[in-house]
Amino acid sequence: MKASVSCLGSILFSLALVSPRAQGQFEHPDLKSGKVVVHKLLILPPQVGITKSGMKGNEGMPEEEGVVENALPSLISKALQAKGCAVFDDVVTPAALSKNEELKSSVADIWGKFKTIEPHVAQKPKDIRTGRYTMGDDVANFAPGAAVDALVFAVAEGRLTTGGKKTFDALVAGPGGREDFIVMNIYLVDSQSGNVLLLTDAAAGGNFVADPSHMAKPIGKSFKDFACSQSSTKPK
């Protein structure tokens, strides 16, 4: 599923080309204070865009996008479990969506609502700390979210460069100018109020398609200042 490139994503792309960077984490004040309880999390199918950069220009890579889309929920789940969260990453899988048209439509709808605010959040993420962003309380109508405290949305954009392009760029500008990389924005949204509770981002280099484990450590580090509540207000 092709993701739209946010303003923040564009900036991160540029940074990823030149040097490693510190991860950013932006928390809603109610999450930081403990007023909002977050323990049970539902991971939604991520949205991923990958571009192949070659001598003939750029082109999309739908098969590679699918590989990353399949890998990310498990990687995000492991990172959140390490922070004490109870994570549901097997409820809205591609297999489940293929068998349930109503669920597929519901997931597409909730993603559509999220994408109306995501570019604004990514452009000014610090405003999460003032509680500015929300999807609205009709998020509570999303049935799979009824048993969890928050929904997890992930938006990723990556680039893979062909060998020929890397060789050409190295001859022209020196080595290191065209490395493979992916940038990931991960959001936690309150399942009832629709408030954006958290944005964290991660960037990984190397061929993240051939070896998705390249993304694991950066994702884990992106949650370094976050911890789930010990319990949930949701029924078991």
C-alpha atoms as a PDB file:
ATOM      1  CA  MET A   1       0.000   0.000   0.000  1.00  0.00           C
ATOM      2  CA  LYS A   2       1.690   3.150  -1.197  1.00  0.00           C
ATOM      3  CA  ALA A   3       2.141   5.744   1.513  1.00  0.00           C
ATOM      4  CA  SER A   4       2.085   9.488   0.969  1.00  0.00           C
ATOM      5  CA  VAL A   5       5.351  11.265   1.794  1.00  0.00           C
ATOM      6  CA  SER A   6       4.794  13.667   4.671  1.00  0.00           C
ATOM      7  CA  CYS A   7       6.759  16.862   5.178  1.00  0.00           C
ATOM      8  CA  LEU A   8       8.567  15.268   8.097  1.00  0.00           C
ATOM      9  CA  GLY A   9       9.333  12.237   5.996  1.00  0.00           C
ATOM     10  CA  SER A  10      10.906  14.417   3.316  1.00  0.00           C
ATOM     11  CA  ILE A  11      13.113  16.093   5.898  1.00  0.00           C
ATOM     12  CA  LEU A  12      14.106  12.752   7.376  1.00  0.00           C
ATOM     13  CA  PHE A  13      15.033  11.467   3.926  1.00  0.00           C
ATOM     14  CA  SER A  14      17.518  14.302   3.547  1.00  0.00           C
ATOM     15  CA  LEU A  15      18.973  13.696   6.993  1.00  0.00           C
ATOM     16  CA  ALA A  16      19.246   9.975   6.391  1.00  0.00           C
ATOM     17  CA  LEU A  17      21.473  10.624   3.401  1.00  0.00           C
ATOM     18  CA  VAL A  18      24.163  12.371   5.349  1.00  0.00           C
ATOM     19  CA  SER A  19      24.415  10.999   8.884  1.00  0.00           C
ATOM     20  CA  PRO A  20      22.780   9.026  11.677  1.00  0.00           C
ATOM     21  CA  ARG A  21      20.367  11.109  13.738  1.00  0.00           C
ATOM     22  CA  ALA A  22      18.728  11.024  17.123  1.00  0.00           C
ATOM     23  CA  GLN A  23      15.203   9.637  17.194  1.00  0.00           C
ATOM     24  CA  GLY A  24      12.388  12.009  18.038  1.00  0.00           C
ATOM     25  CA  GLN A  25       9.561  11.190  20.448  1.00  0.00           C
ATOM     26  CA  PHE A  26       6.530  13.390  21.018  1.00  0.00           C
ATOM     27  CA  GLU A  27       3.991  12.574  23.755  1.00  0.00           C
ATOM     28  CA  HIS A  28       0.512  13.887  24.479  1.00  0.00           C
ATOM     29  CA  PRO A  29       0.495  15.557  27.931  1.00  0.00           C
ATOM     30  CA  ASP A  30      -2.141  13.127  29.241  1.00  0.00           C
ATOM     31  CA  LEU A  31       0.009  10.171  28.224  1.00  0.00           C
ATOM     32  CA  LYS A  32       3.097  11.662  29.808  1.00  0.00           C
ATOM     33  CA  SER A  33       1.282  12.424  33.074  1.00  0.00           C
ATOM     34  CA  GLY A  34      -0.327   8.988  33.268  1.00  0.00           C
ATOM     35  CA  LYS A  35      -3.856  10.376  32.989  1.00  0.00           C
ATOM     36  CA  VAL A  36      -4.342   8.254  29.872  1.00  0.00           C
ATOM     37  CA  VAL A  37      -3.761   4.546  30.340  1.00  0.00           C
ATOM     38  CA  VAL A  38      -2.090   2.724  27.455  1.00  0.00           C
ATOM     39  CA  HIS A  39      -1.455  -0.973  27.890  1.00  0.00           C
ATOM     40  CA  LYS A  40      -3.324  -2.860  25.166  1.00  0.00           C
ATOM     41  CA  LEU A  41      -2.369  -1.859  21.623  1.00  0.00           C
ATOM     42  CA  LEU A  42      -3.716  -2.887  18.226  1.00  0.00           C
ATOM     43  CA  ILE A  43      -1.289  -2.684  15.308  1.00  0.00           C
ATOM     44  CA  LEU A  44      -2.932  -1.747  12.023  1.00  0.00           C
ATOM     45  CA  PRO A  45      -1.500  -2.781   8.648  1.00  0.00           C
ATOM     46  CA  PRO A  46       1.276  -0.245   7.925  1.00  0.00           C
ATOM     47  CA  GLN A  47       1.465   1.917   4.837  1.00  0.00           C
ATOM     48  CA  VAL A  48       4.780   1.671   3.016  1.00  0.00           C
ATOM     49  CA  GLY A  49       6.228   3.363  -0.053  1.00  0.00           C
ATOM     50  CA  ILE A  50       9.520   2.221  -1.593  1.00  0.00           C
ATOM     51  CA  THR A  51      11.251   3.809  -4.550  1.00  0.00           C
ATOM     52  CA  LYS A  52      13.917   2.193  -6.701  1.00  0.00           C
ATOM     53  CA  SER A  53      16.544   4.692  -7.773  1.00  0.00           C
ATOM     54  CA  GLY A  54      18.292   3.654 -10.982  1.00  0.00           C
ATOM     55  CA  MET A  55      20.059   5.037 -14.012  1.00  0.00           C
ATOM     56  CA  LYS A  56      16.736   5.448 -15.809  1.00  0.00           C
ATOM     57  CA  GLY A  57      15.086   7.300 -12.949  1.00  0.00           C
ATOM     58  CA  ASN A  58      12.836   6.337 -10.069  1.00  0.00           C
ATOM     59  CA  GLU A  59      10.045   3.771  -9.974  1.00  0.00           C
ATOM     60  CA  GLY A  60       7.771   2.163  -7.407  1.00  0.00           C
ATOM     61  CA  MET A  61       8.437  -1.272  -5.954  1.00  0.00           C
ATOM     62  CA  PRO A  62       5.067  -2.805  -4.964  1.00  0.00           C
ATOM     63  CA  GLU A  63       6.435  -6.278  -4.218  1.00  0.00           C
ATOM     64  CA  GLU A  64       9.117  -4.898  -1.924  1.00  0.00           C
ATOM     65  CA  GLU A  65       6.530  -2.659  -0.238  1.00  0.00           C
ATOM     66  CA  GLY A  66       4.543  -5.801   0.533  1.00  0.00           C
ATOM     67  CA  VAL A  67       7.577  -7.436   2.136  1.00  0.00           C
ATOM     68  CA  VAL A  68       8.098  -4.484   4.469  1.00  0.00           C
ATOM     69  CA  GLU A  69       4.376  -4.172   5.214  1.00  0.00           C
ATOM     70  CA  ASN A  70       4.372  -7.813   6.310  1.00  0.00           C
ATOM     71  CA  ALA A  71       7.536  -7.425   8.418  1.00  0.00           C
ATOM     72  CA  LEU A  72       6.792  -4.181  10.267  1.00  0.00           C
ATOM     73  CA  PRO A  73       3.902  -5.295  12.542  1.00  0.00           C
ATOM     74  CA  SER A  74       6.032  -8.015  14.141  1.00  0.00           C
ATOM     75  CA  LEU A  75       9.026  -5.687  14.563  1.00  0.00           C
ATOM     76  CA  ILE A  76       6.883  -2.936  16.108  1.00  0.00           C
ATOM     77  CA  SER A  77       5.117  -5.495  18.286  1.00  0.00           C
ATOM     78  CA  LYS A  78       8.396  -6.806  19.721  1.00  0.00           C
ATOM     79  CA  ALA A  79       9.597  -3.268  20.462  1.00  0.00           C
ATOM     80  CA  LEU A  80       6.351  -2.413  22.279  1.00  0.00           C
ATOM     81  CA  GLN A  81       6.240  -5.694  24.175  1.00  0.00           C
ATOM     82  CA  ALA A  82       9.711  -4.858  25.478  1.00  0.00           C
ATOM     83  CA  LYS A  83       8.160  -1.684  26.919  1.00  0.00           C
ATOM     84  CA  GLY A  84       5.529  -3.632  28.844  1.00  0.00           C
ATOM     85  CA  CYS A  85       2.682  -3.428  26.331  1.00  0.00           C
ATOM     86  CA  ALA A  86       0.147  -6.113  25.453  1.00  0.00           C
ATOM     87  CA  VAL A  87       0.172  -6.006  21.666  1.00  0.00           C
ATOM     88  CA  PHE A  88      -2.333  -7.389  19.178  1.00  0.00           C
ATOM     89  CA  ASP A  89      -0.567  -7.700  15.816  1.00  0.00           C
ATOM     90  CA  ASP A  90      -2.589 -10.614  14.415  1.00  0.00           C
ATOM     91  CA  VAL A  91      -6.113  -9.138  14.330  1.00  0.00           C
ATOM     92  CA  VAL A  92      -6.051  -7.105  11.115  1.00  0.00           C
ATOM     93  CA  THR A  93      -3.478  -9.051   9.123  1.00  0.00           C
ATOM     94  CA  PRO A  94      -3.585  -9.239   5.297  1.00  0.00           C
ATOM     95  CA  ALA A  95      -4.942 -12.784   5.647  1.00  0.00           C
ATOM     96  CA  ALA A  96      -7.753 -11.616   7.936  1.00  0.00           C
ATOM     97  CA  LEU A  97      -8.609  -8.719   5.632  1.00  0.00           C
ATOM     98  CA  SER A  98      -8.762 -10.989   2.579  1.00  0.00           C
ATOM     99  CA  LYS A  99     -11.413 -13.117   4.283  1.00  0.00           C
ATOM    100  CA  ASN A 100     -13.535 -10.321   5.726  1.00  0.00           C
ATOM    101  CA  GLU A 101     -14.720  -7.531   3.435  1.00  0.00           C
ATOM    102  CA  GLU A 102     -16.390  -5.668   6.301  1.00  0.00           C
ATOM    103  CA  LEU A 103     -13.149  -5.650   8.278  1.00  0.00           C
ATOM    104  CA  LYS A 104     -11.196  -4.618   5.176  1.00  0.00           C
ATOM    105  CA  SER A 105     -13.556  -1.693   4.602  1.00  0.00           C
ATOM    106  CA  SER A 106     -13.394  -0.694   8.266  1.00  0.00           C
ATOM    107  CA  VAL A 107      -9.578  -0.659   8.243  1.00  0.00           C
ATOM    108  CA  ALA A 108      -9.516   1.358   5.012  1.00  0.00           C
ATOM    109  CA  ASP A 109     -11.917   3.850   6.587  1.00  0.00           C
ATOM    110  CA  ILE A 110      -9.888   4.299   9.773  1.00  0.00           C
ATOM    111  CA  TRP A 111      -6.719   4.750   7.718  1.00  0.00           C
ATOM    112  CA  GLY A 112      -8.514   7.300   5.543  1.00  0.00           C
ATOM    113  CA  LYS A 113      -9.417   9.319   8.628  1.00  0.00           C
ATOM    114  CA  PHE A 114      -5.876   9.101   9.948  1.00  0.00           C
ATOM    115  CA  LYS A 115      -4.351  10.287   6.680  1.00  0.00           C
ATOM    116  CA  THR A 116      -6.367  13.503   6.853  1.00  0.00           C
ATOM    117  CA  ILE A 117      -4.379  14.573   9.920  1.00  0.00           C
ATOM    118  CA  GLU A 118      -1.076  12.696   9.489  1.00  0.00           C
ATOM    119  CA  PRO A 119       0.639  15.267   7.226  1.00  0.00           C
ATOM    120  CA  HIS A 120      -0.144  18.015   9.755  1.00  0.00           C
ATOM    121  CA  VAL A 121       1.117  15.954  12.681  1.00  0.00           C
ATOM    122  CA  ALA A 122       4.307  15.039  10.843  1.00  0.00           C
ATOM    123  CA  GLN A 123       4.936  18.661   9.867  1.00  0.00           C
ATOM    124  CA  LYS A 124       4.573  20.008  13.424  1.00  0.00           C
ATOM    125  CA  PRO A 125       5.069  17.010  15.732  1.00  0.00           C
ATOM    126  CA  LYS A 126       5.888  19.161  18.767  1.00  0.00           C
ATOM    127  CA  ASP A 127       2.226  20.176  18.891  1.00  0.00           C
ATOM    128  CA  ILE A 128       1.403  16.647  20.055  1.00  0.00           C
ATOM    129  CA  ARG A 129       2.804  17.824  23.394  1.00  0.00           C
ATOM    130  CA  THR A 130      -0.009  20.385  23.621  1.00  0.00           C
ATOM    131  CA  GLY A 131      -2.713  17.841  22.755  1.00  0.00           C
ATOM    132  CA  ARG A 132      -3.483  19.548  19.457  1.00  0.00           C
ATOM    133  CA  TYR A 133      -4.167  16.579  17.193  1.00  0.00           C
ATOM    134  CA  THR A 134      -7.155  14.251  17.167  1.00  0.00           C
ATOM    135  CA  MET A 135      -9.022  12.028  14.753  1.00  0.00           C
ATOM    136  CA  GLY A 136     -12.235  12.661  16.705  1.00  0.00           C
ATOM    137  CA  ASP A 137     -14.166  10.378  19.014  1.00  0.00           C
ATOM    138  CA  ASP A 138     -15.890   8.548  16.154  1.00  0.00           C
ATOM    139  CA  VAL A 139     -12.710   6.447  16.196  1.00  0.00           C
ATOM    140  CA  ALA A 140     -14.552   4.551  18.935  1.00  0.00           C
ATOM    141  CA  ASN A 141     -16.793   3.135  16.197  1.00  0.00           C
ATOM    142  CA  PHE A 142     -13.859   1.114  14.868  1.00  0.00           C
ATOM    143  CA  ALA A 143     -14.885  -2.285  16.223  1.00  0.00           C
ATOM    144  CA  PRO A 144     -11.432  -3.931  16.428  1.00  0.00           C
ATOM    145  CA  GLY A 145     -10.287  -1.059  18.651  1.00  0.00           C
ATOM    146  CA  ALA A 146     -12.976  -1.612  21.284  1.00  0.00           C
ATOM    147  CA  ALA A 147     -10.830  -3.998  23.334  1.00  0.00           C
ATOM    148  CA  VAL A 148      -7.625  -1.941  23.272  1.00  0.00           C
ATOM    149  CA  ASP A 149      -6.392   1.378  24.622  1.00  0.00           C
ATOM    150  CA  ALA A 150      -4.678   2.650  21.493  1.00  0.00           C
ATOM    151  CA  LEU A 151      -4.267   2.018  17.785  1.00  0.00           C
ATOM    152  CA  VAL A 152      -0.817   1.868  16.198  1.00  0.00           C
ATOM    153  CA  PHE A 153      -0.363   3.446  12.763  1.00  0.00           C
ATOM    154  CA  ALA A 154       2.948   3.148  10.918  1.00  0.00           C
ATOM    155  CA  VAL A 155       3.924   5.124   7.815  1.00  0.00           C
ATOM    156  CA  ALA A 156       7.219   4.264   6.127  1.00  0.00           C
ATOM    157  CA  GLU A 157       9.095   5.527   3.082  1.00  0.00           C
ATOM    158  CA  GLY A 158      12.235   3.928   1.728  1.00  0.00           C
ATOM    159  CA  ARG A 159      14.648   3.912  -1.172  1.00  0.00           C
ATOM    160  CA  LEU A 160      16.699   1.173  -2.765  1.00  0.00           C
ATOM    161  CA  THR A 161      19.406   2.125  -5.235  1.00  0.00           C
ATOM    162  CA  THR A 162      20.579  -0.126  -8.034  1.00  0.00           C
ATOM    163  CA  GLY A 163      24.221  -1.182  -8.203  1.00  0.00           C
ATOM    164  CA  GLY A 164      24.749   0.750 -11.406  1.00  0.00           C
ATOM    165  CA  LYS A 165      23.380   3.947  -9.888  1.00  0.00           C
ATOM    166  CA  LYS A 166      25.558   3.557  -6.782  1.00  0.00           C
ATOM    167  CA  THR A 167      28.640   3.053  -8.939  1.00  0.00           C
ATOM    168  CA  PHE A 168      27.819   6.074 -11.085  1.00  0.00           C
ATOM    169  CA  ASP A 169      27.150   8.286  -8.048  1.00  0.00           C
ATOM    170  CA  ALA A 170      30.385   7.135  -6.405  1.00  0.00           C
ATOM    171  CA  LEU A 171      32.344   8.145  -9.484  1.00  0.00           C
ATOM    172  CA  VAL A 172      30.656  11.542  -9.646  1.00  0.00           C
ATOM    173  CA  ALA A 173      30.222  12.513  -5.994  1.00  0.00           C
ATOM    174  CA  GLY A 174      32.194   9.959  -4.011  1.00  0.00           C
ATOM    175  CA  PRO A 175      30.973   6.988  -1.950  1.00  0.00           C
ATOM    176  CA  GLY A 176      28.052   7.154   0.450  1.00  0.00           C
ATOM    177  CA  GLY A 177      25.778   9.445  -1.531  1.00  0.00           C
ATOM    178  CA  ARG A 178      23.184   6.859  -2.504  1.00  0.00           C
ATOM    179  CA  GLU A 179      22.735   4.390   0.313  1.00  0.00           C
ATOM    180  CA  ASP A 180      19.604   2.319   0.819  1.00  0.00           C
ATOM    181  CA  PHE A 181      17.429   3.535   3.688  1.00  0.00           C
ATOM    182  CA  ILE A 182      13.935   3.580   5.139  1.00  0.00           C
ATOM    183  CA  VAL A 183      12.276   6.125   7.436  1.00  0.00           C
ATOM    184  CA  MET A 184       9.397   5.072   9.693  1.00  0.00           C
ATOM    185  CA  ASN A 185       6.900   7.209  11.614  1.00  0.00           C
ATOM    186  CA  ILE A 186       4.968   5.274  14.276  1.00  0.00           C
ATOM    187  CA  TYR A 187       1.879   6.796  15.901  1.00  0.00           C
ATOM    188  CA  LEU A 188      -0.237   5.784  18.888  1.00  0.00           C
ATOM    189  CA  VAL A 189      -3.832   7.031  18.752  1.00  0.00           C
ATOM    190  CA  ASP A 190      -6.319   6.764  21.620  1.00  0.00           C
ATOM    191  CA  SER A 191      -8.929   4.195  20.580  1.00  0.00           C
ATOM    192  CA  GLN A 192     -11.797   6.173  22.152  1.00  0.00           C
ATOM    193  CA  SER A 193     -10.980   9.885  21.964  1.00  0.00           C
ATOM    194  CA  GLY A 194      -8.969   9.715  18.739  1.00  0.00           C
ATOM    195  CA  ASN A 195      -6.216  11.849  20.289  1.00  0.00           C
ATOM    196  CA  VAL A 196      -2.724  11.384  18.877  1.00  0.00           C
ATOM    197  CA  LEU A 197      -0.870  10.201  21.955  1.00  0.00           C
ATOM    198  CA  LEU A 198       2.596   9.535  20.600  1.00  0.00           C
ATOM    199  CA  LEU A 199       4.770   9.931  17.528  1.00  0.00           C
ATOM    200  CA  THR A 200       8.131   8.258  17.326  1.00  0.00           C
ATOM    201  CA  ASP A 201      10.358   7.867  14.292  1.00  0.00           C
ATOM    202  CA  ALA A 202      13.146   5.582  13.198  1.00  0.00           C
ATOM    203  CA  ALA A 203      15.525   5.331  10.258  1.00  0.00           C
ATOM    204  CA  ALA A 204      17.387   2.250   9.047  1.00  0.00           C
ATOM    205  CA  GLY A 205      20.046   1.745   6.413  1.00  0.00           C
ATOM    206  CA  GLY A 206      21.072  -1.322   4.435  1.00  0.00           C
ATOM    207  CA  ASN A 207      18.842  -3.540   2.334  1.00  0.00           C
ATOM    208  CA  PHE A 208      15.841  -3.566   4.647  1.00  0.00           C
ATOM    209  CA  VAL A 209      13.850  -5.657   2.153  1.00  0.00           C
ATOM    210  CA  ALA A 210      16.274  -8.564   1.867  1.00  0.00           C
ATOM    211  CA  ASP A 211      16.876  -8.404   5.630  1.00  0.00           C
ATOM    212  CA  PRO A 212      14.013  -6.691   7.543  1.00  0.00           C
ATOM    213  CA  SER A 213      15.937  -7.142  10.795  1.00  0.00           C
ATOM    214  CA  HIS A 214      17.836  -3.972   9.786  1.00  0.00           C
ATOM    215  CA  MET A 215      14.730  -2.126  11.014  1.00  0.00           C
ATOM    216  CA  ALA A 216      14.458  -3.845  14.406  1.00  0.00           C
ATOM    217  CA  LYS A 217      17.086  -1.948  16.416  1.00  0.00           C
ATOM    218  CA  PRO A 218      16.082   1.552  15.209  1.00  0.00           C
ATOM    219  CA  ILE A 219      12.428   0.800  15.971  1.00  0.00           C
ATOM    220  CA  GLY A 220      13.350  -0.400  19.452  1.00  0.00           C
ATOM    221  CA  LYS A 221      15.451   2.705  20.104  1.00  0.00           C
ATOM    222  CA  SER A 222      12.635   4.964  18.932  1.00  0.00           C
ATOM    223  CA  PHE A 223      10.587   3.902  21.996  1.00  0.00           C
ATOM    224  CA  LYS A 224      13.455   4.442  24.445  1.00  0.00           C
ATOM    225  CA  ASP A 225      11.569   7.058  26.493  1.00  0.00           C
ATOM    226  CA  PHE A 226       8.195   5.318  26.368  1.00  0.00           C
ATOM    227  CA  ALA A 227       6.670   2.692  28.651  1.00  0.00           C
ATOM    228  CA  CYS A 228       3.211   1.181  28.716  1.00  0.00           C
ATOM    229  CA  SER A 229       0.958   1.325  31.758  1.00  0.00           C
ATOM    230  CA  GLN A 230       0.992  -1.775  33.924  1.00  0.00           C
ATOM    231  CA  SER A 231      -2.698  -2.487  33.327  1.00  0.00           C
ATOM    232  CA  SER A 232      -5.597  -1.531  31.091  1.00  0.00           C
ATOM    233  CA  THR A 233      -9.087  -0.204  31.701  1.00  0.00           C
ATOM    234  CA  LYS A 234     -10.330  -2.437  28.893  1.00  0.00           C
ATOM    235  CA  PRO A 235     -12.003  -5.735  29.814  1.00  0.00           C
ATOM    236  CA  LYS A 236     -10.014  -8.911  29.245  1.00  0.00           C
END
